[in-house]
Amino acid sequence: MLIVMHHSATDRDIEAVKKTIEKMGYKPVAIPGAERTAIGVIGNQGWVDDAPFRGLKGILEIIHVTKPYKLVSRDFHPHDTVIKISNDLKIGGKNPFLIIAGPCAVESSEQIYKTAKFLKDLGVKVLRAGAYKPRTSPHSFQGLREKGLEILQDVKRDLGIYTITEVMSPEHLGLVAEKVDIIQVGARNMQNFDLLKEVGKIKKPVVLKRGLSATVEEWLASAEYILLEGNPNVILCERGIRTFETATRNTSDLSVIPLIKGNSHLPVIYDPSHATGKSKLVPPMALASIIAGAQGVMVEVHPEPEKALSDGPQSLNFKEFERLYLKIQKLISFVEDELKP
C-alpha cells in the first residue's frame, strides 16, 4: 500500500499515519517528493485494510500495490533514481551514458594498469575486474582475491579511474566496499538473500545482475532486499538468461530494458559480453541496448583475450573496444539529437 499525503499535510499528519502503520504491525517508509510526501507500507503479505487511515488528516490518496517489490516500483517512487558514484559521475535520469569496461578478472598488476591506462585515456571512467571469481569448475582460475583488491585500489589511486568488482559472500563485503567504488552482485548471487541484506546496510552503489534463469519479478524482488535495508543505490544489469538455445552463451531479451524502466525507477545497464559469450556479437548488442534505453553498458576488455585466464572468447581487445567506444559516442549523440523530444 502507498499512502500519498496532500501537499498541505503537516509533519504531525505524517507522523499520525506512520504510527497507524506501526500499530498494524507494518513498517512505514517515507518517500519525499518534490510537491508531496508518500508513505509506503512494508511488511504485508497480502491485502492491507485501509479503514484505519480513512479518518486521518492530510491523506490525498491510498494506492494498493500488489507487486512483491514495492520500494523499487514506480508506484512508490515515480521519478528516476539518480545514483551518485562520485561528484563528477552519476547514473540515472538524464545523466550521461555510463561505460564500464575491463577484464573479467584481475590477473596481474601489469595487466590491470595497462588496461586501466588505455581505458582512462579513451574516456572510460569505470574499470571492471573481478578479484573473487565464481567459476563453474573448481579447477578454473578463482581470482587473486585480496591481492586483486589491492591492485584495484592501487590503480584507482595512481590513475584516478573508478573501480567495480564482485562480492561473493557477506564475509568479504567490508573489505570489498573499502577498496572499490561500486560493488557488483553477480548473477549467481542474485538470490543470495543474506548477502543482499548486508549490501543493503551500506550506502555504496551496487550493480545487481539478473540471475541465470531469473524472471523480471524475481530480479526486482532481489533489488527490493537491498533497498529495504536502506541502500537506494542499486543499478540493475541485464546479462541474458539461460534457455534451451546454445548458439550464444545466454539468451538476451533487450525488451527487458524498456520493460524494467517502465516498472522501476532504478537505472538499468546492459552486459553484452555475458549476454552473448562471443566477442563479435558484443559491439552490435551494445549499440542495440542504447536504442532500447539502457543507461550504460559493461563490456569485457583484455590486452590479449586469447591469453585471458577467464572469459577470453567474449572479451574485446583494445582496438576492437576503441572502435566500439567511438560508435557508442556517435550513436548517443544521434539519439540525443534526433530521437529524444
Protein backbone atom coordinates (compact mmCIF):
# COMPACT_ATOMS: atom_id res chain seq x y z
CA MET A 1 0.00 0.00 0.00
CA LEU A 2 1.10 3.53 -0.76
CA ILE A 3 -0.38 6.48 1.11
CA VAL A 4 0.02 9.77 -0.74
CA MET A 5 -0.14 12.82 1.51
CA HIS A 6 -1.64 16.14 0.45
CA HIS A 7 0.89 18.91 -0.23
CA SER A 8 -0.54 20.80 2.73
CA ALA A 9 -0.12 17.85 5.14
CA THR A 10 1.81 18.76 8.29
CA ASP A 11 4.58 16.83 9.97
CA ARG A 12 2.04 15.89 12.61
CA ASP A 13 -0.27 14.44 9.95
CA ILE A 14 2.57 12.36 8.53
CA GLU A 15 3.58 11.08 11.97
CA ALA A 16 -0.03 10.04 12.67
CA VAL A 17 -0.06 7.94 9.51
CA LYS A 18 3.29 6.34 10.41
CA LYS A 19 2.10 5.44 13.90
CA THR A 20 -1.06 3.88 12.49
CA ILE A 21 1.02 1.74 10.15
CA GLU A 22 3.22 0.59 13.02
CA LYS A 23 0.19 -0.27 15.18
CA MET A 24 -0.98 -2.55 12.34
CA GLY A 25 2.34 -4.41 12.54
CA TYR A 26 3.86 -3.00 9.39
CA LYS A 27 6.82 -0.74 8.60
CA PRO A 28 6.31 2.82 7.27
CA VAL A 29 8.77 4.10 4.68
CA ALA A 30 8.58 7.82 3.87
CA ILE A 31 9.21 8.72 0.24
CA PRO A 32 9.70 12.51 -0.03
CA GLY A 33 8.65 14.10 -3.30
CA ALA A 34 9.03 17.50 -4.90
CA GLU A 35 5.48 18.52 -4.03
CA ARG A 36 4.21 15.96 -1.52
CA THR A 37 5.27 13.05 0.67
CA ALA A 38 4.20 9.45 0.12
CA ILE A 39 4.39 6.75 2.78
CA GLY A 40 4.90 3.15 1.78
CA VAL A 41 3.53 0.28 3.86
CA ILE A 42 6.11 -2.52 4.02
CA GLY A 43 5.89 -5.98 5.55
CA ASN A 44 2.43 -7.10 4.49
CA GLN A 45 1.95 -10.49 2.84
CA GLY A 46 -1.36 -9.61 1.21
CA TRP A 47 -4.12 -7.02 1.07
CA VAL A 48 -3.91 -4.23 3.66
CA ASP A 49 -7.17 -2.88 5.08
CA ASP A 50 -7.25 0.88 4.53
CA ALA A 51 -10.09 1.52 7.01
CA PRO A 52 -7.75 2.72 9.84
CA PHE A 53 -6.49 5.54 7.61
CA ARG A 54 -9.81 6.95 6.45
CA GLY A 55 -10.23 9.36 9.33
CA LEU A 56 -6.68 10.66 9.35
CA LYS A 57 -5.89 14.18 8.19
CA GLY A 58 -3.67 15.09 5.27
CA ILE A 59 -4.18 11.96 3.14
CA LEU A 60 -4.75 12.67 -0.55
CA GLU A 61 -4.87 9.11 -1.94
CA ILE A 62 -4.42 5.47 -0.91
CA ILE A 63 -2.99 3.16 -3.56
CA HIS A 64 -2.98 -0.62 -3.11
CA VAL A 65 0.24 -2.10 -4.53
CA THR A 66 0.11 -5.84 -5.18
CA LYS A 67 3.62 -6.31 -6.57
CA PRO A 68 6.10 -8.38 -4.47
CA TYR A 69 8.53 -5.49 -4.90
CA LYS A 70 7.46 -2.07 -3.70
CA LEU A 71 10.39 0.22 -2.97
CA VAL A 72 11.84 -0.42 -6.45
CA SER A 73 8.48 0.15 -8.11
CA ARG A 74 7.41 3.36 -9.81
CA ASP A 75 4.19 3.08 -7.79
CA PHE A 76 6.24 4.05 -4.73
CA HIS A 77 8.83 6.18 -6.49
CA PRO A 78 7.57 7.65 -9.80
CA HIS A 79 10.71 9.64 -10.66
CA ASP A 80 14.01 8.20 -11.90
CA THR A 81 16.58 7.49 -9.23
CA VAL A 82 19.94 9.21 -9.78
CA ILE A 83 22.88 7.37 -8.26
CA LYS A 84 25.98 9.32 -7.33
CA ILE A 85 29.20 7.38 -7.86
CA SER A 86 31.29 10.50 -7.26
CA ASN A 87 30.88 14.25 -7.52
CA ASP A 88 31.60 14.08 -11.25
CA LEU A 89 29.96 10.75 -12.10
CA LYS A 90 26.26 9.88 -11.80
CA ILE A 91 23.90 7.43 -13.46
CA GLY A 92 20.15 7.61 -13.89
CA GLY A 93 17.71 10.23 -15.06
CA LYS A 94 19.25 12.49 -17.69
CA ASN A 95 22.87 11.82 -16.71
CA PRO A 96 25.36 10.71 -19.39
CA PHE A 97 25.51 7.12 -20.62
CA LEU A 98 27.84 5.11 -18.36
CA ILE A 99 30.50 2.86 -19.87
CA ILE A 100 32.11 0.27 -17.59
CA ALA A 101 34.92 -1.79 -19.11
CA GLY A 102 37.81 -4.04 -18.22
CA PRO A 103 38.89 -7.66 -17.97
CA CYS A 104 36.81 -10.40 -16.43
CA ALA A 105 39.45 -10.95 -13.74
CA VAL A 106 42.41 -9.27 -12.13
CA GLU A 107 45.28 -11.43 -13.35
CA SER A 108 48.29 -9.27 -12.56
CA SER A 109 49.24 -5.71 -11.70
CA GLU A 110 50.74 -5.22 -15.17
CA GLN A 111 47.54 -6.37 -16.89
CA ILE A 112 45.29 -4.09 -14.84
CA TYR A 113 47.49 -1.00 -15.13
CA LYS A 114 47.83 -1.47 -18.89
CA THR A 115 44.07 -1.84 -19.32
CA ALA A 116 43.18 0.97 -16.93
CA LYS A 117 45.54 3.44 -18.65
CA PHE A 118 44.10 2.55 -22.06
CA LEU A 119 40.53 2.99 -20.84
CA LYS A 120 41.23 6.22 -18.96
CA ASP A 121 42.96 7.77 -21.99
CA LEU A 122 39.99 6.79 -24.13
CA GLY A 123 37.49 8.40 -21.77
CA VAL A 124 36.11 5.45 -19.82
CA LYS A 125 35.58 6.35 -16.17
CA VAL A 126 34.91 2.96 -14.55
CA LEU A 127 37.19 -0.08 -14.62
CA ARG A 128 35.69 -3.52 -14.02
CA ALA A 129 37.73 -6.54 -12.93
CA GLY A 130 36.99 -9.48 -10.67
CA ALA A 131 39.10 -10.18 -7.60
CA TYR A 132 36.87 -13.02 -6.38
CA LYS A 133 35.68 -15.18 -9.27
CA PRO A 134 32.68 -17.53 -9.05
CA ARG A 135 33.52 -20.25 -11.57
CA THR A 136 31.52 -23.26 -12.67
CA SER A 137 34.51 -25.57 -12.33
CA PRO A 138 36.60 -25.58 -9.13
CA HIS A 139 39.64 -26.18 -11.36
CA SER A 140 39.21 -22.84 -13.14
CA PHE A 141 41.01 -19.64 -12.13
CA GLN A 142 39.32 -18.36 -8.97
CA GLY A 143 40.82 -14.88 -8.89
CA LEU A 144 43.59 -13.23 -6.87
CA ARG A 145 41.13 -12.38 -4.06
CA GLU A 146 42.62 -9.92 -1.52
CA LYS A 147 45.67 -9.30 -3.70
CA GLY A 148 43.36 -8.45 -6.58
CA LEU A 149 41.54 -5.91 -4.42
CA GLU A 150 44.84 -4.27 -3.51
CA ILE A 151 45.75 -3.97 -7.20
CA LEU A 152 42.40 -2.31 -7.93
CA GLN A 153 42.93 0.09 -5.04
CA ASP A 154 46.41 0.96 -6.31
CA VAL A 155 45.26 1.60 -9.88
CA LYS A 156 42.43 3.81 -8.67
CA ARG A 157 44.87 5.86 -6.59
CA ASP A 158 47.52 6.14 -9.31
CA LEU A 159 45.35 6.65 -12.40
CA GLY A 160 42.19 8.21 -10.98
CA ILE A 161 39.81 5.69 -12.53
CA TYR A 162 36.80 4.41 -10.60
CA THR A 163 36.52 0.67 -9.95
CA ILE A 164 33.91 -2.05 -9.65
CA THR A 165 34.34 -5.66 -8.56
CA GLU A 166 32.13 -8.54 -7.49
CA VAL A 167 31.43 -9.58 -3.92
CA MET A 168 30.57 -13.24 -3.33
CA SER A 169 29.84 -13.52 0.37
CA PRO A 170 28.96 -11.32 3.36
CA GLU A 171 32.33 -12.01 4.97
CA HIS A 172 34.15 -10.28 2.08
CA LEU A 173 31.77 -7.32 1.84
CA GLY A 174 33.55 -4.98 4.25
CA LEU A 175 36.91 -5.36 2.54
CA VAL A 176 35.46 -5.06 -0.97
CA ALA A 177 33.48 -1.94 -0.02
CA GLU A 178 36.65 -0.40 1.37
CA LYS A 179 38.71 -0.98 -1.76
CA VAL A 180 36.37 -0.16 -4.70
CA ASP A 181 33.79 2.45 -5.69
CA ILE A 182 30.99 0.17 -6.89
CA ILE A 183 30.05 -3.29 -5.65
CA GLN A 184 28.75 -5.93 -8.02
CA VAL A 185 26.40 -8.73 -7.02
CA GLY A 186 26.78 -11.30 -9.77
CA ALA A 187 24.18 -13.46 -11.48
CA ARG A 188 24.95 -16.49 -9.31
CA ASN A 189 24.37 -14.45 -6.14
CA MET A 190 21.26 -12.56 -7.23
CA GLN A 191 19.21 -14.60 -4.76
CA ASN A 192 21.85 -14.87 -2.05
CA PHE A 193 19.49 -13.12 0.34
CA ASP A 194 21.91 -12.91 3.27
CA LEU A 195 24.39 -11.14 1.00
CA LEU A 196 21.71 -8.81 -0.38
CA LYS A 197 20.67 -7.79 3.13
CA GLU A 198 24.26 -6.95 4.07
CA VAL A 199 24.78 -4.99 0.85
CA GLY A 200 21.64 -3.08 1.79
CA LYS A 201 23.26 -1.90 5.02
CA ILE A 202 25.98 0.04 3.21
CA LYS A 203 25.46 3.11 1.04
CA LYS A 204 27.82 2.31 -1.82
CA PRO A 205 26.42 1.95 -5.35
CA VAL A 206 25.78 -1.68 -6.25
CA VAL A 207 25.28 -3.30 -9.64
CA LEU A 208 22.78 -6.15 -9.32
CA LYS A 209 22.97 -8.58 -12.22
CA ARG A 210 20.00 -10.63 -13.34
CA GLY A 211 20.23 -14.27 -12.27
CA LEU A 212 20.99 -17.12 -14.65
CA SER A 213 17.33 -18.06 -15.03
CA ALA A 214 15.60 -15.30 -13.09
CA THR A 215 12.31 -13.76 -14.07
CA VAL A 216 11.98 -9.98 -14.08
CA GLU A 217 9.83 -10.20 -10.94
CA GLU A 218 12.48 -12.25 -9.11
CA TRP A 219 15.19 -9.82 -10.18
CA LEU A 220 13.29 -6.79 -8.93
CA ALA A 221 12.40 -8.59 -5.71
CA SER A 222 16.14 -9.12 -5.12
CA ALA A 223 16.70 -5.39 -5.57
CA GLU A 224 13.93 -4.88 -3.01
CA TYR A 225 16.02 -6.73 -0.41
CA ILE A 226 18.78 -4.14 -0.83
CA LEU A 227 16.52 -1.09 -0.75
CA LEU A 228 14.58 -2.41 2.23
CA GLU A 229 17.78 -2.42 4.31
CA GLY A 230 18.41 1.23 3.48
CA ASN A 231 20.64 1.31 0.38
CA PRO A 232 18.82 3.03 -2.52
CA ASN A 233 21.88 2.99 -4.82
CA VAL A 234 21.05 -0.05 -6.95
CA ILE A 235 21.91 -0.29 -10.65
CA LEU A 236 20.20 -3.17 -12.45
CA CYS A 237 22.23 -5.08 -15.05
CA GLU A 238 20.66 -7.26 -17.72
CA ARG A 239 23.08 -10.01 -18.86
CA GLY A 240 20.85 -12.58 -20.51
CA ILE A 241 19.33 -15.76 -19.10
CA ARG A 242 19.82 -19.47 -19.70
CA THR A 243 17.40 -21.10 -22.16
CA PHE A 244 17.43 -24.10 -24.49
CA GLU A 245 19.45 -22.09 -27.05
CA THR A 246 23.16 -22.94 -27.24
CA ALA A 247 24.30 -20.72 -30.13
CA THR A 248 25.10 -17.95 -27.65
CA ARG A 249 26.21 -18.12 -24.04
CA ASN A 250 22.86 -16.76 -22.86
CA THR A 251 19.61 -15.57 -24.39
CA SER A 252 19.35 -11.81 -24.21
CA ASP A 253 15.94 -10.15 -24.46
CA LEU A 254 16.53 -6.44 -24.91
CA SER A 255 12.83 -5.72 -24.43
CA VAL A 256 13.54 -6.25 -20.73
CA ILE A 257 15.30 -2.86 -20.63
CA PRO A 258 12.28 -0.67 -21.51
CA LEU A 259 10.07 -3.05 -19.52
CA ILE A 260 12.15 -2.51 -16.38
CA LYS A 261 12.32 1.24 -16.96
CA GLY A 262 8.54 1.31 -17.07
CA ASN A 263 8.16 -0.67 -13.85
CA SER A 264 11.10 0.61 -11.80
CA HIS A 265 12.82 3.91 -11.11
CA LEU A 266 16.26 2.27 -10.83
CA PRO A 267 18.80 2.76 -13.65
CA VAL A 268 19.40 -0.19 -16.00
CA ILE A 269 22.61 -1.13 -17.78
CA TYR A 270 23.45 -3.96 -20.16
CA ASP A 271 26.27 -6.53 -20.28
CA PRO A 272 26.65 -7.72 -23.89
CA SER A 273 29.73 -9.78 -23.05
CA HIS A 274 27.96 -12.26 -20.78
CA ALA A 275 24.74 -11.98 -22.75
CA THR A 276 26.36 -13.35 -25.90
CA GLY A 277 29.63 -15.01 -24.88
CA LYS A 278 31.13 -14.11 -28.27
CA SER A 279 33.29 -11.06 -28.86
CA LYS A 280 31.95 -10.47 -32.39
CA LEU A 281 28.43 -10.12 -31.03
CA VAL A 282 29.35 -7.65 -28.30
CA PRO A 283 29.51 -4.43 -30.41
CA PRO A 284 26.14 -4.78 -32.20
CA MET A 285 24.36 -5.79 -29.00
CA ALA A 286 25.94 -2.96 -27.01
CA LEU A 287 24.73 -0.47 -29.62
CA ALA A 288 21.28 -2.06 -29.75
CA SER A 289 20.93 -1.67 -25.99
CA ILE A 290 21.31 2.10 -26.35
CA ILE A 291 18.30 2.24 -28.65
CA ALA A 292 16.41 0.01 -26.20
CA GLY A 293 17.02 2.60 -23.49
CA ALA A 294 19.93 1.22 -21.47
CA GLN A 295 21.67 3.83 -19.34
CA GLY A 296 25.05 2.15 -19.57
CA VAL A 297 26.99 -0.92 -20.72
CA MET A 298 29.50 -3.21 -19.07
CA VAL A 299 31.98 -4.62 -21.58
CA GLU A 300 34.85 -7.06 -21.06
CA VAL A 301 38.16 -5.77 -22.44
CA HIS A 302 41.53 -7.52 -22.22
CA PRO A 303 45.00 -6.66 -23.59
CA GLU A 304 45.29 -10.20 -25.01
CA PRO A 305 41.93 -12.02 -24.95
CA GLU A 306 43.48 -15.20 -26.31
CA LYS A 307 45.61 -15.41 -23.15
CA ALA A 308 42.91 -14.39 -20.65
CA LEU A 309 42.50 -16.62 -17.61
CA SER A 310 38.74 -16.05 -17.65
CA ASP A 311 36.17 -15.36 -20.41
CA GLY A 312 38.67 -14.66 -23.19
CA PRO A 313 36.25 -15.59 -26.03
CA GLN A 314 33.83 -12.83 -25.06
CA SER A 315 36.44 -10.14 -24.42
CA LEU A 316 37.37 -7.37 -26.86
CA ASN A 317 40.98 -6.39 -27.45
CA PHE A 318 41.97 -2.73 -27.25
CA LYS A 319 41.45 -1.94 -30.95
CA GLU A 320 38.05 -3.64 -31.01
CA PHE A 321 36.90 -1.78 -27.92
CA GLU A 322 38.16 1.57 -29.21
CA ARG A 323 36.07 1.12 -32.35
CA LEU A 324 33.04 0.26 -30.24
CA TYR A 325 33.63 3.21 -27.91
CA LEU A 326 33.65 5.66 -30.82
CA LYS A 327 30.46 4.13 -32.25
CA ILE A 328 28.77 4.42 -28.87
CA GLN A 329 29.62 8.11 -28.70
CA LYS A 330 28.23 8.71 -32.19
CA LEU A 331 25.04 6.76 -31.51
CA ILE A 332 24.42 8.51 -28.20
CA SER A 333 24.86 11.86 -29.92
CA PHE A 334 22.36 10.81 -32.61
CA VAL A 335 19.85 9.56 -30.05
CA GLU A 336 20.09 12.78 -28.04
CA ASP A 337 19.76 14.99 -31.12
CA GLU A 338 17.21 13.09 -33.21
CA LEU A 339 15.16 10.72 -31.06
CA LYS A 340 14.61 12.50 -27.78
CA PRO A 341 11.74 15.01 -27.62
